[in-house]
């Protein structure tokens, strides 16, 4: 179970790094909607990281049954 938790945190870390890297490149202005984009982006990152870790769990579960 700790394998999937580490996969989750690894994907969160990599996604957040890429999110901020690309946001600094593409959002150079002082737009007030920038905070909303960061908030929504962070929520999406966490949800997608959870899905990635669940996919790894399902793949391992299917491998054990076969």
N, C-alpha and C. Protein backbone atom coordinates (compact mmCIF):
# COMPACT_ATOMS: atom_id res chain seq x y z
N UNK A 1 0.82 -1.19 0.00
CA UNK A 1 0.00 0.00 0.00
C UNK A 1 0.87 1.26 0.00
N UNK A 2 2.01 1.20 0.61
CA UNK A 2 2.88 2.38 0.64
C UNK A 2 3.43 2.70 -0.76
N UNK A 3 3.48 1.68 -1.61
CA UNK A 3 3.92 1.90 -2.99
C UNK A 3 2.99 2.87 -3.70
N UNK A 4 1.70 2.71 -3.50
CA UNK A 4 0.72 3.56 -4.17
C UNK A 4 0.68 4.96 -3.57
N UNK A 5 0.94 5.07 -2.30
CA UNK A 5 1.01 6.38 -1.66
C UNK A 5 2.22 7.15 -2.19
N UNK A 6 3.34 6.45 -2.34
CA UNK A 6 4.52 7.11 -2.88
C UNK A 6 4.32 7.49 -4.34
N UNK A 7 3.61 6.67 -5.11
CA UNK A 7 3.30 7.01 -6.49
C UNK A 7 2.43 8.26 -6.53
N UNK A 8 1.45 8.34 -5.62
CA UNK A 8 0.57 9.50 -5.56
C UNK A 8 1.37 10.77 -5.28
N UNK A 9 2.22 10.74 -4.26
CA UNK A 9 2.97 11.95 -3.92
C UNK A 9 4.01 12.30 -4.98
N UNK A 10 4.57 11.30 -5.63
CA UNK A 10 5.52 11.57 -6.72
C UNK A 10 4.82 12.26 -7.88
N UNK A 11 3.64 11.77 -8.26
CA UNK A 11 2.92 12.41 -9.36
C UNK A 11 2.43 13.81 -8.98
N UNK A 12 2.05 14.01 -7.72
CA UNK A 12 1.67 15.35 -7.27
C UNK A 12 2.86 16.29 -7.37
N UNK A 13 4.01 15.86 -6.90
CA UNK A 13 5.20 16.71 -6.91
C UNK A 13 5.61 17.07 -8.34
N UNK A 14 5.67 16.09 -9.20
CA UNK A 14 6.08 16.34 -10.59
C UNK A 14 5.05 17.23 -11.29
N UNK A 15 3.77 16.98 -11.05
CA UNK A 15 2.73 17.78 -11.69
C UNK A 15 2.76 19.23 -11.22
N UNK A 16 2.97 19.45 -9.93
CA UNK A 16 3.02 20.81 -9.41
C UNK A 16 4.23 21.56 -9.97
N UNK A 17 5.35 20.88 -10.06
CA UNK A 17 6.54 21.51 -10.64
C UNK A 17 6.28 21.90 -12.09
N UNK A 18 5.70 20.99 -12.87
CA UNK A 18 5.40 21.30 -14.27
C UNK A 18 4.34 22.38 -14.40
N UNK A 19 3.35 22.36 -13.50
CA UNK A 19 2.29 23.37 -13.53
C UNK A 19 2.86 24.76 -13.32
N UNK A 20 3.70 24.92 -12.30
CA UNK A 20 4.26 26.24 -12.04
C UNK A 20 5.28 26.64 -13.11
N UNK A 21 6.01 25.68 -13.64
CA UNK A 21 6.97 25.98 -14.70
C UNK A 21 6.26 26.51 -15.93
N UNK A 22 5.21 25.82 -16.37
CA UNK A 22 4.48 26.26 -17.55
C UNK A 22 3.65 27.51 -17.28
N UNK A 23 3.16 27.67 -16.06
CA UNK A 23 2.36 28.86 -15.78
C UNK A 23 3.23 30.12 -15.79
N UNK A 24 4.48 30.02 -15.34
CA UNK A 24 5.36 31.18 -15.39
C UNK A 24 5.75 31.52 -16.83
N UNK A 25 5.80 30.51 -17.69
CA UNK A 25 6.16 30.75 -19.08
C UNK A 25 4.99 31.39 -19.83
N UNK A 26 3.77 30.85 -19.62
CA UNK A 26 2.63 31.30 -20.40
C UNK A 26 1.88 32.49 -19.79
N UNK A 27 2.00 32.71 -18.48
CA UNK A 27 1.26 33.79 -17.82
C UNK A 27 2.23 34.84 -17.30
N UNK A 28 2.67 35.72 -18.16
CA UNK A 28 3.64 36.72 -17.76
C UNK A 28 2.98 37.99 -17.23
N UNK A 29 1.68 38.15 -17.43
CA UNK A 29 0.99 39.37 -17.02
C UNK A 29 0.49 39.29 -15.58
N UNK A 30 -0.03 40.41 -15.07
CA UNK A 30 -0.57 40.47 -13.73
C UNK A 30 -2.09 40.35 -13.74
N UNK A 31 -2.60 39.34 -14.36
CA UNK A 31 -4.04 39.13 -14.50
C UNK A 31 -4.64 38.71 -13.17
N UNK A 32 -5.77 39.31 -12.74
CA UNK A 32 -6.38 38.91 -11.47
C UNK A 32 -6.96 37.50 -11.50
N UNK A 33 -7.22 36.97 -12.67
CA UNK A 33 -7.74 35.61 -12.78
C UNK A 33 -6.64 34.57 -12.57
N UNK A 34 -5.41 35.04 -12.40
CA UNK A 34 -4.28 34.13 -12.24
C UNK A 34 -4.42 33.27 -10.99
N UNK A 35 -4.92 33.85 -9.91
CA UNK A 35 -5.11 33.09 -8.67
C UNK A 35 -6.14 32.00 -8.85
N UNK A 36 -7.20 32.30 -9.59
CA UNK A 36 -8.23 31.29 -9.85
C UNK A 36 -7.66 30.15 -10.69
N UNK A 37 -6.82 30.49 -11.64
CA UNK A 37 -6.21 29.46 -12.48
C UNK A 37 -5.30 28.57 -11.64
N UNK A 38 -4.53 29.17 -10.73
CA UNK A 38 -3.68 28.38 -9.85
C UNK A 38 -4.49 27.45 -8.95
N UNK A 39 -5.60 27.96 -8.43
CA UNK A 39 -6.43 27.15 -7.54
C UNK A 39 -7.05 25.98 -8.29
N UNK A 40 -7.65 26.26 -9.42
CA UNK A 40 -8.27 25.20 -10.22
C UNK A 40 -7.22 24.22 -10.73
N UNK A 41 -6.07 24.73 -11.12
CA UNK A 41 -4.98 23.86 -11.58
C UNK A 41 -4.48 22.94 -10.48
N UNK A 42 -4.36 23.46 -9.26
CA UNK A 42 -3.91 22.63 -8.14
C UNK A 42 -4.93 21.54 -7.83
N UNK A 43 -6.21 21.87 -7.89
CA UNK A 43 -7.25 20.86 -7.65
C UNK A 43 -7.20 19.78 -8.72
N UNK A 44 -7.03 20.18 -9.96
CA UNK A 44 -6.95 19.20 -11.06
C UNK A 44 -5.72 18.31 -10.90
N UNK A 45 -4.61 18.90 -10.49
CA UNK A 45 -3.39 18.13 -10.29
C UNK A 45 -3.59 17.06 -9.22
N UNK A 46 -4.20 17.42 -8.12
CA UNK A 46 -4.41 16.46 -7.03
C UNK A 46 -5.36 15.35 -7.47
N UNK A 47 -6.43 15.70 -8.15
CA UNK A 47 -7.37 14.68 -8.60
C UNK A 47 -6.76 13.75 -9.64
N UNK A 48 -6.01 14.29 -10.58
CA UNK A 48 -5.38 13.43 -11.59
C UNK A 48 -4.28 12.56 -10.99
N UNK A 49 -3.58 13.06 -10.00
CA UNK A 49 -2.57 12.24 -9.33
C UNK A 49 -3.22 11.08 -8.58
N UNK A 50 -4.37 11.34 -7.98
CA UNK A 50 -5.11 10.26 -7.34
C UNK A 50 -5.53 9.21 -8.36
N UNK A 51 -5.97 9.65 -9.54
CA UNK A 51 -6.35 8.70 -10.58
C UNK A 51 -5.17 7.88 -11.07
N UNK A 52 -4.02 8.50 -11.20
CA UNK A 52 -2.82 7.76 -11.63
C UNK A 52 -2.47 6.68 -10.63
N UNK A 53 -2.50 7.01 -9.35
CA UNK A 53 -2.18 6.00 -8.34
C UNK A 53 -3.22 4.89 -8.31
N UNK A 54 -4.49 5.22 -8.56
CA UNK A 54 -5.52 4.19 -8.63
C UNK A 54 -5.34 3.29 -9.84
N UNK A 55 -4.90 3.85 -10.95
CA UNK A 55 -4.62 3.02 -12.13
C UNK A 55 -3.49 2.03 -11.86
N UNK A 56 -2.45 2.47 -11.17
CA UNK A 56 -1.37 1.56 -10.80
C UNK A 56 -1.89 0.44 -9.90
N UNK A 57 -2.76 0.80 -8.98
CA UNK A 57 -3.35 -0.21 -8.09
C UNK A 57 -4.17 -1.22 -8.89
N UNK A 58 -4.99 -0.74 -9.83
CA UNK A 58 -5.80 -1.64 -10.64
C UNK A 58 -4.96 -2.53 -11.53
N UNK A 59 -3.90 -1.99 -12.09
CA UNK A 59 -3.01 -2.79 -12.94
C UNK A 59 -2.37 -3.90 -12.12
N UNK A 60 -1.90 -3.59 -10.93
CA UNK A 60 -1.30 -4.62 -10.07
C UNK A 60 -2.34 -5.64 -9.63
N UNK A 61 -3.56 -5.20 -9.39
CA UNK A 61 -4.62 -6.10 -8.99
C UNK A 61 -4.97 -7.08 -10.10
N UNK A 62 -5.01 -6.59 -11.33
CA UNK A 62 -5.30 -7.43 -12.48
C UNK A 62 -4.14 -8.40 -12.72
N UNK A 63 -2.89 -7.95 -12.56
CA UNK A 63 -1.74 -8.84 -12.74
C UNK A 63 -1.76 -9.98 -11.73
N UNK A 64 -2.17 -9.70 -10.52
CA UNK A 64 -2.21 -10.75 -9.48
C UNK A 64 -3.29 -11.79 -9.77
N UNK A 65 -4.38 -11.37 -10.38
CA UNK A 65 -5.45 -12.31 -10.69
C UNK A 65 -5.15 -13.16 -11.90
N UNK A 66 -4.27 -12.68 -12.78
CA UNK A 66 -3.92 -13.46 -13.98
C UNK A 66 -2.72 -14.26 -13.68
